[in-house]
PDB file of N, CA and C in Angstrom:
ATOM      1  N   MET A   1      31.960  32.949  34.449  1.00  0.00           N
ATOM      2  CA  MET A   1      31.279  33.403  33.255  1.00  0.00           C
ATOM      3  C   MET A   1      31.388  32.323  32.172  1.00  0.00           C
ATOM      4  N   ILE A   2      30.275  32.052  31.511  1.00  0.00           N
ATOM      5  CA  ILE A   2      30.228  31.040  30.463  1.00  0.00           C
ATOM      6  C   ILE A   2      30.522  31.710  29.133  1.00  0.00           C
ATOM      7  N   SER A   3      31.401  31.079  28.397  1.00  0.00           N
ATOM      8  CA  SER A   3      31.770  31.673  27.114  1.00  0.00           C
ATOM      9  C   SER A   3      30.727  31.325  26.049  1.00  0.00           C
ATOM     10  N   VAL A   4      30.703  32.118  24.988  1.00  0.00           N
ATOM     11  CA  VAL A   4      29.799  31.905  23.857  1.00  0.00           C
ATOM     12  C   VAL A   4      30.144  30.586  23.175  1.00  0.00           C
ATOM     13  N   LYS A   5      31.426  30.257  23.082  1.00  0.00           N
ATOM     14  CA  LYS A   5      31.859  29.012  22.454  1.00  0.00           C
ATOM     15  C   LYS A   5      31.289  27.808  23.204  1.00  0.00           C
ATOM     16  N   HIS A   6      31.318  27.883  24.535  1.00  0.00           N
ATOM     17  CA  HIS A   6      30.797  26.786  25.352  1.00  0.00           C
ATOM     18  C   HIS A   6      29.291  26.602  25.110  1.00  0.00           C
ATOM     19  N   VAL A   7      28.555  27.679  25.072  1.00  0.00           N
ATOM     20  CA  VAL A   7      27.112  27.627  24.836  1.00  0.00           C
ATOM     21  C   VAL A   7      26.834  27.040  23.460  1.00  0.00           C
ATOM     22  N   ASN A   8      27.589  27.454  22.468  1.00  0.00           N
ATOM     23  CA  ASN A   8      27.408  26.930  21.111  1.00  0.00           C
ATOM     24  C   ASN A   8      27.678  25.432  21.057  1.00  0.00           C
ATOM     25  N   ARG A   9      28.728  24.960  21.745  1.00  0.00           N
ATOM     26  CA  ARG A   9      29.031  23.526  21.772  1.00  0.00           C
ATOM     27  C   ARG A   9      27.896  22.744  22.427  1.00  0.00           C
ATOM     28  N   VAL A  10      27.365  23.250  23.518  1.00  0.00           N
ATOM     29  CA  VAL A  10      26.269  22.585  24.223  1.00  0.00           C
ATOM     30  C   VAL A  10      25.031  22.541  23.328  1.00  0.00           C
ATOM     31  N   ASN A  11      24.723  23.644  22.650  1.00  0.00           N
ATOM     32  CA  ASN A  11      23.568  23.685  21.752  1.00  0.00           C
ATOM     33  C   ASN A  11      23.716  22.680  20.612  1.00  0.00           C
ATOM     34  N   LYS A  12      24.926  22.568  20.058  1.00  0.00           N
ATOM     35  CA  LYS A  12      25.155  21.617  18.969  1.00  0.00           C
ATOM     36  C   LYS A  12      24.965  20.188  19.459  1.00  0.00           C
ATOM     37  N   LYS A  13      25.453  19.882  20.671  1.00  0.00           N
ATOM     38  CA  LYS A  13      25.274  18.543  21.231  1.00  0.00           C
ATOM     39  C   LYS A  13      23.797  18.237  21.434  1.00  0.00           C
ATOM     40  N   ASN A  14      23.055  19.193  21.961  1.00  0.00           N
ATOM     41  CA  ASN A  14      21.619  19.000  22.190  1.00  0.00           C
ATOM     42  C   ASN A  14      20.890  18.773  20.873  1.00  0.00           C
ATOM     43  N   LYS A  15      21.271  19.523  19.834  1.00  0.00           N
ATOM     44  CA  LYS A  15      20.640  19.341  18.530  1.00  0.00           C
ATOM     45  C   LYS A  15      20.940  17.957  17.977  1.00  0.00           C
ATOM     46  N   LYS A  16      22.201  17.494  18.149  1.00  0.00           N
ATOM     47  CA  LYS A  16      22.553  16.162  17.667  1.00  0.00           C
ATOM     48  C   LYS A  16      21.771  15.095  18.415  1.00  0.00           C
ATOM     49  N   ASN A  17      21.663  15.232  19.727  1.00  0.00           N
ATOM     50  CA  ASN A  17      20.902  14.256  20.513  1.00  0.00           C
ATOM     51  C   ASN A  17      19.437  14.258  20.103  1.00  0.00           C
ATOM     52  N   THR A  18      18.888  15.428  19.930  1.00  0.00           N
ATOM     53  CA  THR A  18      17.491  15.526  19.528  1.00  0.00           C
ATOM     54  C   THR A  18      17.294  14.900  18.165  1.00  0.00           C
ATOM     55  N   LYS A  19      18.219  15.140  17.262  1.00  0.00           N
ATOM     56  CA  LYS A  19      18.127  14.576  15.920  1.00  0.00           C
ATOM     57  C   LYS A  19      18.215  13.052  15.984  1.00  0.00           C
ATOM     58  N   LYS A  20      19.145  12.540  16.800  1.00  0.00           N
ATOM     59  CA  LYS A  20      19.276  11.092  16.964  1.00  0.00           C
ATOM     60  C   LYS A  20      18.023  10.500  17.591  1.00  0.00           C
ATOM     61  N   GLU A  21      17.477  11.177  18.570  1.00  0.00           N
ATOM     62  CA  GLU A  21      16.258  10.691  19.218  1.00  0.00           C
ATOM     63  C   GLU A  21      15.087  10.662  18.242  1.00  0.00           C
ATOM     64  N   ARG A  22      14.970  11.703  17.429  1.00  0.00           N
ATOM     65  CA  ARG A  22      13.894  11.738  16.437  1.00  0.00           C
ATOM     66  C   ARG A  22      14.060  10.616  15.418  1.00  0.00           C
ATOM     67  N   GLU A  23      15.293  10.393  14.983  1.00  0.00           N
ATOM     68  CA  GLU A  23      15.558   9.323  14.018  1.00  0.00           C
ATOM     69  C   GLU A  23      15.242   7.962  14.643  1.00  0.00           C
ATOM     70  N   HIS A  24      15.621   7.772  15.896  1.00  0.00           N
ATOM     71  CA  HIS A  24      15.312   6.521  16.601  1.00  0.00           C
ATOM     72  C   HIS A  24      13.800   6.333  16.692  1.00  0.00           C
ATOM     73  N   LYS A  25      13.091   7.378  17.020  1.00  0.00           N
ATOM     74  CA  LYS A  25      11.630   7.320  17.114  1.00  0.00           C
ATOM     75  C   LYS A  25      11.020   7.003  15.752  1.00  0.00           C
ATOM     76  N   ARG A  26      11.525   7.651  14.701  1.00  0.00           N
ATOM     77  CA  ARG A  26      11.006   7.409  13.352  1.00  0.00           C
ATOM     78  C   ARG A  26      11.199   5.952  12.956  1.00  0.00           C
ATOM     79  N   LEU A  27      12.388   5.412  13.222  1.00  0.00           N
ATOM     80  CA  LEU A  27      12.659   4.014  12.868  1.00  0.00           C
ATOM     81  C   LEU A  27      11.800   3.052  13.689  1.00  0.00           C
ATOM     82  N   SER A  28      11.600   3.396  14.950  1.00  0.00           N
ATOM     83  CA  SER A  28      10.738   2.575  15.799  1.00  0.00           C
ATOM     84  C   SER A  28       9.300   2.574  15.278  1.00  0.00           C
ATOM     85  N   ASP A  29       8.822   3.744  14.915  1.00  0.00           N
ATOM     86  CA  ASP A  29       7.469   3.849  14.351  1.00  0.00           C
ATOM     87  C   ASP A  29       7.368   3.091  13.035  1.00  0.00           C
ATOM     88  N   LYS A  30       8.427   3.154  12.249  1.00  0.00           N
ATOM     89  CA  LYS A  30       8.422   2.453  10.963  1.00  0.00           C
ATOM     90  C   LYS A  30       8.308   0.946  11.169  1.00  0.00           C
ATOM     91  N   ARG A  31       9.018   0.425  12.169  1.00  0.00           N
ATOM     92  CA  ARG A  31       8.958  -1.014  12.453  1.00  0.00           C
ATOM     93  C   ARG A  31       7.566  -1.448  12.894  1.00  0.00           C
ATOM     94  N   SER A  32       6.844  -0.593  13.595  1.00  0.00           N
ATOM     95  CA  SER A  32       5.513  -0.965  14.086  1.00  0.00           C
ATOM     96  C   SER A  32       4.383  -0.532  13.149  1.00  0.00           C
ATOM     97  N   SER A  33       4.755  -0.017  11.994  1.00  0.00           N
ATOM     98  CA  SER A  33       3.736   0.465  11.049  1.00  0.00           C
ATOM     99  C   SER A  33       3.068  -0.711  10.324  1.00  0.00           C
ATOM    100  N   PRO A  34       1.898  -0.459   9.719  1.00  0.00           N
ATOM    101  CA  PRO A  34       1.250  -1.506   8.917  1.00  0.00           C
ATOM    102  C   PRO A  34       2.143  -1.881   7.735  1.00  0.00           C
ATOM    103  N   GLY A  35       2.064  -3.119   7.312  1.00  0.00           N
ATOM    104  CA  GLY A  35       2.870  -3.573   6.182  1.00  0.00           C
ATOM    105  C   GLY A  35       2.368  -2.991   4.872  1.00  0.00           C
ATOM    106  N   VAL A  36       3.249  -2.965   3.896  1.00  0.00           N
ATOM    107  CA  VAL A  36       2.882  -2.494   2.565  1.00  0.00           C
ATOM    108  C   VAL A  36       2.468  -3.709   1.742  1.00  0.00           C
ATOM    109  N   PRO A  37       1.313  -3.648   1.106  1.00  0.00           N
ATOM    110  CA  PRO A  37       0.864  -4.800   0.316  1.00  0.00           C
ATOM    111  C   PRO A  37       1.718  -4.995  -0.933  1.00  0.00           C
ATOM    112  N   PRO A  38       1.638  -6.188  -1.522  1.00  0.00           N
ATOM    113  CA  PRO A  38       2.420  -6.421  -2.737  1.00  0.00           C
ATOM    114  C   PRO A  38       1.890  -5.586  -3.896  1.00  0.00           C
ATOM    115  N   ASN A  39       2.679  -5.518  -4.948  1.00  0.00           N
ATOM    116  CA  ASN A  39       2.294  -4.801  -6.155  1.00  0.00           C
ATOM    117  C   ASN A  39       1.015  -5.419  -6.720  1.00  0.00           C
ATOM    118  N   THR A  40      -0.002  -4.620  -6.937  1.00  0.00           N
ATOM    119  CA  THR A  40      -1.287  -5.140  -7.415  1.00  0.00           C
ATOM    120  C   THR A  40      -1.437  -5.081  -8.928  1.00  0.00           C
ATOM    121  N   CYS A  41      -0.491  -4.470  -9.633  1.00  0.00           N
ATOM    122  CA  CYS A  41      -0.619  -4.350 -11.092  1.00  0.00           C
ATOM    123  C   CYS A  41      -0.763  -5.691 -11.801  1.00  0.00           C
ATOM    124  N   PRO A  42       0.024  -6.726 -11.455  1.00  0.00           N
ATOM    125  CA  PRO A  42      -0.174  -8.009 -12.130  1.00  0.00           C
ATOM    126  C   PRO A  42      -1.580  -8.576 -11.911  1.00  0.00           C
ATOM    127  N   TYR A  43      -2.148  -8.348 -10.754  1.00  0.00           N
ATOM    128  CA  TYR A  43      -3.505  -8.828 -10.482  1.00  0.00           C
ATOM    129  C   TYR A  43      -4.529  -8.072 -11.330  1.00  0.00           C
ATOM    130  N   ILE A  44      -4.279  -6.809 -11.520  1.00  0.00           N
ATOM    131  CA  ILE A  44      -5.166  -6.017 -12.382  1.00  0.00           C
ATOM    132  C   ILE A  44      -5.096  -6.545 -13.810  1.00  0.00           C
ATOM    133  N   ASP A  45      -3.873  -6.849 -14.289  1.00  0.00           N
ATOM    134  CA  ASP A  45      -3.716  -7.396 -15.643  1.00  0.00           C
ATOM    135  C   ASP A  45      -4.431  -8.737 -15.782  1.00  0.00           C
ATOM    136  N   ILE A  46      -4.284  -9.599 -14.780  1.00  0.00           N
ATOM    137  CA  ILE A  46      -4.963 -10.902 -14.808  1.00  0.00           C
ATOM    138  C   ILE A  46      -6.476 -10.697 -14.863  1.00  0.00           C
ATOM    139  N   THR A  47      -6.974  -9.768 -14.090  1.00  0.00           N
ATOM    140  CA  THR A  47      -8.410  -9.499 -14.059  1.00  0.00           C
ATOM    141  C   THR A  47      -8.899  -9.002 -15.413  1.00  0.00           C
ATOM    142  N   LYS A  48      -8.127  -8.131 -16.027  1.00  0.00           N
ATOM    143  CA  LYS A  48      -8.509  -7.639 -17.353  1.00  0.00           C
ATOM    144  C   LYS A  48      -8.570  -8.790 -18.358  1.00  0.00           C
ATOM    145  N   THR A  49      -7.607  -9.712 -18.289  1.00  0.00           N
ATOM    146  CA  THR A  49      -7.614 -10.881 -19.176  1.00  0.00           C
ATOM    147  C   THR A  49      -8.842 -11.741 -18.905  1.00  0.00           C
ATOM    148  N   MET A  50      -9.173 -11.937 -17.645  1.00  0.00           N
ATOM    149  CA  MET A  50     -10.361 -12.726 -17.295  1.00  0.00           C
ATOM    150  C   MET A  50     -11.629 -12.092 -17.855  1.00  0.00           C
ATOM    151  N   ILE A  51     -11.717 -10.801 -17.743  1.00  0.00           N
ATOM    152  CA  ILE A  51     -12.904 -10.100 -18.244  1.00  0.00           C
ATOM    153  C   ILE A  51     -12.981 -10.220 -19.769  1.00  0.00           C
ATOM    154  N   ASP A  52     -11.829 -10.099 -20.438  1.00  0.00           N
ATOM    155  CA  ASP A  52     -11.809 -10.290 -21.896  1.00  0.00           C
ATOM    156  C   ASP A  52     -12.258 -11.702 -22.265  1.00  0.00           C
ATOM    157  N   ASP A  53     -11.771 -12.694 -21.507  1.00  0.00           N
ATOM    158  CA  ASP A  53     -12.184 -14.076 -21.752  1.00  0.00           C
ATOM    159  C   ASP A  53     -13.690 -14.256 -21.551  1.00  0.00           C
ATOM    160  N   MET A  54     -14.219 -13.594 -20.530  1.00  0.00           N
ATOM    161  CA  MET A  54     -15.668 -13.676 -20.291  1.00  0.00           C
ATOM    162  C   MET A  54     -16.442 -13.043 -21.437  1.00  0.00           C
ATOM    163  N   ALA A  55     -15.965 -11.933 -21.925  1.00  0.00           N
ATOM    164  CA  ALA A  55     -16.645 -11.261 -23.037  1.00  0.00           C
ATOM    165  C   ALA A  55     -16.635 -12.144 -24.284  1.00  0.00           C
ATOM    166  N   GLU A  56     -15.498 -12.782 -24.556  1.00  0.00           N
ATOM    167  CA  GLU A  56     -15.420 -13.694 -25.704  1.00  0.00           C
ATOM    168  C   GLU A  56     -16.358 -14.881 -25.513  1.00  0.00           C
ATOM    169  N   ALA A  57     -16.402 -15.423 -24.315  1.00  0.00           N
ATOM    170  CA  ALA A  57     -17.290 -16.561 -24.038  1.00  0.00           C
ATOM    171  C   ALA A  57     -18.745 -16.143 -24.212  1.00  0.00           C
ATOM    172  N   TYR A  58     -19.087 -14.974 -23.735  1.00  0.00           N
ATOM    173  CA  TYR A  58     -20.461 -14.491 -23.878  1.00  0.00           C
ATOM    174  C   TYR A  58     -20.821 -14.320 -25.355  1.00  0.00           C
ATOM    175  N   GLU A  59     -19.859 -13.785 -26.107  1.00  0.00           N
ATOM    176  CA  GLU A  59     -20.106 -13.583 -27.540  1.00  0.00           C
ATOM    177  C   GLU A  59     -20.353 -14.923 -28.243  1.00  0.00           C
ATOM    178  N   ARG A  60     -19.538 -15.925 -27.913  1.00  0.00           N
ATOM    179  CA  ARG A  60     -19.739 -17.251 -28.505  1.00  0.00           C
ATOM    180  C   ARG A  60     -21.081 -17.849 -28.092  1.00  0.00           C
ATOM    181  N   LEU A  61     -21.442 -17.673 -26.830  1.00  0.00           N
ATOM    182  CA  LEU A  61     -22.736 -18.180 -26.355  1.00  0.00           C
ATOM    183  C   LEU A  61     -23.879 -17.513 -27.111  1.00  0.00           C
ATOM    184  N   TYR A  62     -23.755 -16.235 -27.258  1.00  0.00           N
ATOM    185  CA  TYR A  62     -24.821 -15.462 -27.902  1.00  0.00           C
ATOM    186  C   TYR A  62     -24.967 -15.812 -29.385  1.00  0.00           C
ATOM    187  N   GLU A  63     -23.833 -15.884 -30.098  1.00  0.00           N
ATOM    188  CA  GLU A  63     -23.878 -16.115 -31.544  1.00  0.00           C
ATOM    189  C   GLU A  63     -24.117 -17.575 -31.924  1.00  0.00           C
ATOM    190  N   ASN A  64     -23.491 -18.507 -31.237  1.00  0.00           N
ATOM    191  CA  ASN A  64     -23.515 -19.907 -31.645  1.00  0.00           C
ATOM    192  C   ASN A  64     -24.327 -20.809 -30.726  1.00  0.00           C
ATOM    193  N   GLY A  65     -24.807 -20.277 -29.650  1.00  0.00           N
ATOM    194  CA  GLY A  65     -25.515 -21.129 -28.706  1.00  0.00           C
ATOM    195  C   GLY A  65     -24.577 -22.097 -27.998  1.00  0.00           C
ATOM    196  N   GLU A  66     -23.262 -21.831 -28.052  1.00  0.00           N
ATOM    197  CA  GLU A  66     -22.254 -22.692 -27.429  1.00  0.00           C
ATOM    198  C   GLU A  66     -22.319 -22.539 -25.913  1.00  0.00           C
ATOM    199  N   HIS A  67     -22.291 -23.677 -25.233  1.00  0.00           N
ATOM    200  CA  HIS A  67     -22.298 -23.640 -23.766  1.00  0.00           C
ATOM    201  C   HIS A  67     -20.863 -23.596 -23.260  1.00  0.00           C
ATOM    202  N   GLN A  68     -20.554 -22.668 -22.376  1.00  0.00           N
ATOM    203  CA  GLN A  68     -19.204 -22.499 -21.840  1.00  0.00           C
ATOM    204  C   GLN A  68     -19.254 -22.661 -20.324  1.00  0.00           C
ATOM    205  N   PRO A  69     -19.015 -23.897 -19.799  1.00  0.00           N
ATOM    206  CA  PRO A  69     -19.097 -24.109 -18.354  1.00  0.00           C
ATOM    207  C   PRO A  69     -18.047 -23.333 -17.564  1.00  0.00           C
ATOM    208  N   LYS A  70     -16.939 -22.938 -18.190  1.00  0.00           N
ATOM    209  CA  LYS A  70     -15.900 -22.172 -17.500  1.00  0.00           C
ATOM    210  C   LYS A  70     -16.339 -20.740 -17.207  1.00  0.00           C
ATOM    211  N   PHE A  71     -17.396 -20.298 -17.831  1.00  0.00           N
ATOM    212  CA  PHE A  71     -17.841 -18.908 -17.696  1.00  0.00           C
ATOM    213  C   PHE A  71     -18.048 -18.523 -16.227  1.00  0.00           C
ATOM    214  N   ASP A  72     -18.776 -19.346 -15.487  1.00  0.00           N
ATOM    215  CA  ASP A  72     -19.043 -19.031 -14.074  1.00  0.00           C
ATOM    216  C   ASP A  72     -17.760 -19.055 -13.247  1.00  0.00           C
ATOM    217  N   GLU A  73     -16.859 -19.993 -13.565  1.00  0.00           N
ATOM    218  CA  GLU A  73     -15.594 -20.086 -12.832  1.00  0.00           C
ATOM    219  C   GLU A  73     -14.738 -18.843 -13.071  1.00  0.00           C
ATOM    220  N   ILE A  74     -14.667 -18.425 -14.335  1.00  0.00           N
ATOM    221  CA  ILE A  74     -13.883 -17.227 -14.672  1.00  0.00           C
ATOM    222  C   ILE A  74     -14.487 -15.995 -13.997  1.00  0.00           C
ATOM    223  N   LYS A  75     -15.801 -15.911 -13.988  1.00  0.00           N
ATOM    224  CA  LYS A  75     -16.479 -14.779 -13.350  1.00  0.00           C
ATOM    225  C   LYS A  75     -16.149 -14.725 -11.860  1.00  0.00           C
ATOM    226  N   LYS A  76     -16.174 -15.892 -11.189  1.00  0.00           N
ATOM    227  CA  LYS A  76     -15.863 -15.949  -9.755  1.00  0.00           C
ATOM    228  C   LYS A  76     -14.399 -15.554  -9.505  1.00  0.00           C
ATOM    229  N   MET A  77     -13.494 -16.066 -10.357  1.00  0.00           N
ATOM    230  CA  MET A  77     -12.077 -15.715 -10.205  1.00  0.00           C
ATOM    231  C   MET A  77     -11.867 -14.212 -10.369  1.00  0.00           C
ATOM    232  N   ALA A  78     -12.559 -13.620 -11.337  1.00  0.00           N
ATOM    233  CA  ALA A  78     -12.439 -12.175 -11.552  1.00  0.00           C
ATOM    234  C   ALA A  78     -12.926 -11.415 -10.321  1.00  0.00           C
ATOM    235  N   GLY A  79     -14.054 -11.836  -9.769  1.00  0.00           N
ATOM    236  CA  GLY A  79     -14.584 -11.176  -8.568  1.00  0.00           C
ATOM    237  C   GLY A  79     -13.648 -11.314  -7.380  1.00  0.00           C
ATOM    238  N   ASP A  80     -13.098 -12.516  -7.187  1.00  0.00           N
ATOM    239  CA  ASP A  80     -12.165 -12.747  -6.075  1.00  0.00           C
ATOM    240  C   ASP A  80     -10.901 -11.899  -6.230  1.00  0.00           C
ATOM    241  N   THR A  81     -10.407 -11.810  -7.446  1.00  0.00           N
ATOM    242  CA  THR A  81      -9.203 -11.019  -7.691  1.00  0.00           C
ATOM    243  C   THR A  81      -9.459  -9.539  -7.438  1.00  0.00           C
ATOM    244  N   LEU A  82     -10.606  -9.062  -7.871  1.00  0.00           N
ATOM    245  CA  LEU A  82     -10.935  -7.653  -7.620  1.00  0.00           C
ATOM    246  C   LEU A  82     -11.064  -7.370  -6.129  1.00  0.00           C
ATOM    247  N   GLU A  83     -11.608  -8.323  -5.377  1.00  0.00           N
ATOM    248  CA  GLU A  83     -11.708  -8.133  -3.924  1.00  0.00           C
ATOM    249  C   GLU A  83     -10.321  -8.111  -3.280  1.00  0.00           C
ATOM    250  N   TYR A  84      -9.395  -8.925  -3.786  1.00  0.00           N
ATOM    251  CA  TYR A  84      -8.017  -8.889  -3.292  1.00  0.00           C
ATOM    252  C   TYR A  84      -7.410  -7.508  -3.543  1.00  0.00           C
ATOM    253  N   ILE A  85      -7.615  -6.999  -4.739  1.00  0.00           N
ATOM    254  CA  ILE A  85      -7.090  -5.671  -5.084  1.00  0.00           C
ATOM    255  C   ILE A  85      -7.704  -4.605  -4.174  1.00  0.00           C
ATOM    256  N   ARG A  86      -8.997  -4.737  -3.906  1.00  0.00           N
ATOM    257  CA  ARG A  86      -9.662  -3.775  -3.030  1.00  0.00           C
ATOM    258  C   ARG A  86      -9.024  -3.784  -1.638  1.00  0.00           C
ATOM    259  N   ARG A  87      -8.766  -4.976  -1.089  1.00  0.00           N
ATOM    260  CA  ARG A  87      -8.149  -5.079   0.249  1.00  0.00           C
ATOM    261  C   ARG A  87      -6.725  -4.515   0.244  1.00  0.00           C
ATOM    262  N   ALA A  88      -5.972  -4.809  -0.818  1.00  0.00           N
ATOM    263  CA  ALA A  88      -4.599  -4.307  -0.901  1.00  0.00           C
ATOM    264  C   ALA A  88      -4.585  -2.781  -0.982  1.00  0.00           C
ATOM    265  N   ASN A  89      -5.469  -2.232  -1.766  1.00  0.00           N
ATOM    266  CA  ASN A  89      -5.535  -0.768  -1.878  1.00  0.00           C
ATOM    267  C   ASN A  89      -6.012  -0.138  -0.575  1.00  0.00           C
ATOM    268  N   GLU A  90      -6.905  -0.810   0.133  1.00  0.00           N
ATOM    269  CA  GLU A  90      -7.350  -0.314   1.436  1.00  0.00           C
ATOM    270  C   GLU A  90      -6.172  -0.281   2.410  1.00  0.00           C
ATOM    271  N   CYS A  91      -5.340  -1.318   2.344  1.00  0.00           N
ATOM    272  CA  CYS A  91      -4.146  -1.356   3.189  1.00  0.00           C
ATOM    273  C   CYS A  91      -3.215  -0.185   2.860  1.00  0.00           C
ATOM    274  N   LEU A  92      -3.078   0.115   1.584  1.00  0.00           N
ATOM    275  CA  LEU A  92      -2.260   1.268   1.192  1.00  0.00           C
ATOM    276  C   LEU A  92      -2.817   2.569   1.766  1.00  0.00           C
ATOM    277  N   ARG A  93      -4.128   2.710   1.710  1.00  0.00           N
ATOM    278  CA  ARG A  93      -4.740   3.927   2.268  1.00  0.00           C
ATOM    279  C   ARG A  93      -4.517   3.999   3.776  1.00  0.00           C
ATOM    280  N   ASP A  94      -4.664   2.862   4.481  1.00  0.00           N
ATOM    281  CA  ASP A  94      -4.432   2.829   5.929  1.00  0.00           C
ATOM    282  C   ASP A  94      -2.989   3.186   6.251  1.00  0.00           C
ATOM    283  N   ASN A  95      -2.064   2.666   5.442  1.00  0.00           N
ATOM    284  CA  ASN A  95      -0.654   2.952   5.639  1.00  0.00           C
ATOM    285  C   ASN A  95      -0.384   4.443   5.466  1.00  0.00           C
ATOM    286  N   SER A  96      -0.965   5.022   4.443  1.00  0.00           N
ATOM    287  CA  SER A  96      -0.793   6.445   4.192  1.00  0.00           C
ATOM    288  C   SER A  96      -1.321   7.280   5.364  1.00  0.00           C
ATOM    289  N   LEU A  97      -2.496   6.927   5.850  1.00  0.00           N
ATOM    290  CA  LEU A  97      -3.070   7.647   6.990  1.00  0.00           C
ATOM    291  C   LEU A  97      -2.197   7.504   8.228  1.00  0.00           C
ATOM    292  N   TYR A  98      -1.683   6.288   8.459  1.00  0.00           N
ATOM    293  CA  TYR A  98      -0.806   6.053   9.611  1.00  0.00           C
ATOM    294  C   TYR A  98       0.392   7.001   9.567  1.00  0.00           C
ATOM    295  N   TRP A  99       1.089   7.057   8.428  1.00  0.00           N
ATOM    296  CA  TRP A  99       2.275   7.899   8.340  1.00  0.00           C
ATOM    297  C   TRP A  99       1.934   9.380   8.371  1.00  0.00           C
ATOM    298  N   TYR A 100       0.810   9.734   7.832  1.00  0.00           N
ATOM    299  CA  TYR A 100       0.391  11.134   7.896  1.00  0.00           C
ATOM    300  C   TYR A 100       0.189  11.547   9.354  1.00  0.00           C
ATOM    301  N   ASN A 101      -0.485  10.708  10.128  1.00  0.00           N
ATOM    302  CA  ASN A 101      -0.706  11.019  11.543  1.00  0.00           C
ATOM    303  C   ASN A 101       0.604  11.056  12.328  1.00  0.00           C
ATOM    304  N   LYS A 102       1.529  10.143  12.022  1.00  0.00           N
ATOM    305  CA  LYS A 102       2.836  10.164  12.701  1.00  0.00           C
ATOM    306  C   LYS A 102       3.579  11.458  12.351  1.00  0.00           C
ATOM    307  N   TYR A 103       3.516  11.845  11.117  1.00  0.00           N
ATOM    308  CA  TYR A 103       4.165  13.086  10.689  1.00  0.00           C
ATOM    309  C   TYR A 103       3.586  14.280  11.435  1.00  0.00           C
ATOM    310  N   LYS A 104       2.258  14.334  11.556  1.00  0.00           N
ATOM    311  CA  LYS A 104       1.626  15.459  12.261  1.00  0.00           C
ATOM    312  C   LYS A 104       2.048  15.492  13.716  1.00  0.00           C
ATOM    313  N   GLN A 105       2.218  14.337  14.331  1.00  0.00           N
ATOM    314  CA  GLN A 105       2.627  14.282  15.735  1.00  0.00           C
ATOM    315  C   GLN A 105       4.043  14.828  15.924  1.00  0.00           C
ATOM    316  N   MET A 106       4.864  14.663  14.895  1.00  0.00           N
ATOM    317  CA  MET A 106       6.268  15.112  15.017  1.00  0.00           C
ATOM    318  C   MET A 106       6.424  16.613  14.803  1.00  0.00           C
ATOM    319  N   LEU A 107       5.412  17.237  14.234  1.00  0.00           N
ATOM    320  CA  LEU A 107       5.511  18.680  13.987  1.00  0.00           C
ATOM    321  C   LEU A 107       5.455  19.494  15.245  1.00  0.00           C
TER     322      LEU A 107
END
């Protein structure tokens, strides 16, 4: 006859093993997950400064007829920076979806 204490000990061991296995699986999934992009806030700030500079350049062009050759360069830099931010944010969304799907699989 098997005692209740013996059954309880076996159940506790199985729970510990299952918990360890789940943790091992979680860490393994984490290692193979998509990377997290760098903080994009500084890029957003730079872009805002570029746009302000473009607005000032446009105002000077409009009021004084001053030619500003940097205008096109600043505009291109602003566009490139915004595209970088778009890709980084897309990566964040992909990362979120990846972990959401992994979480659903574990349920």
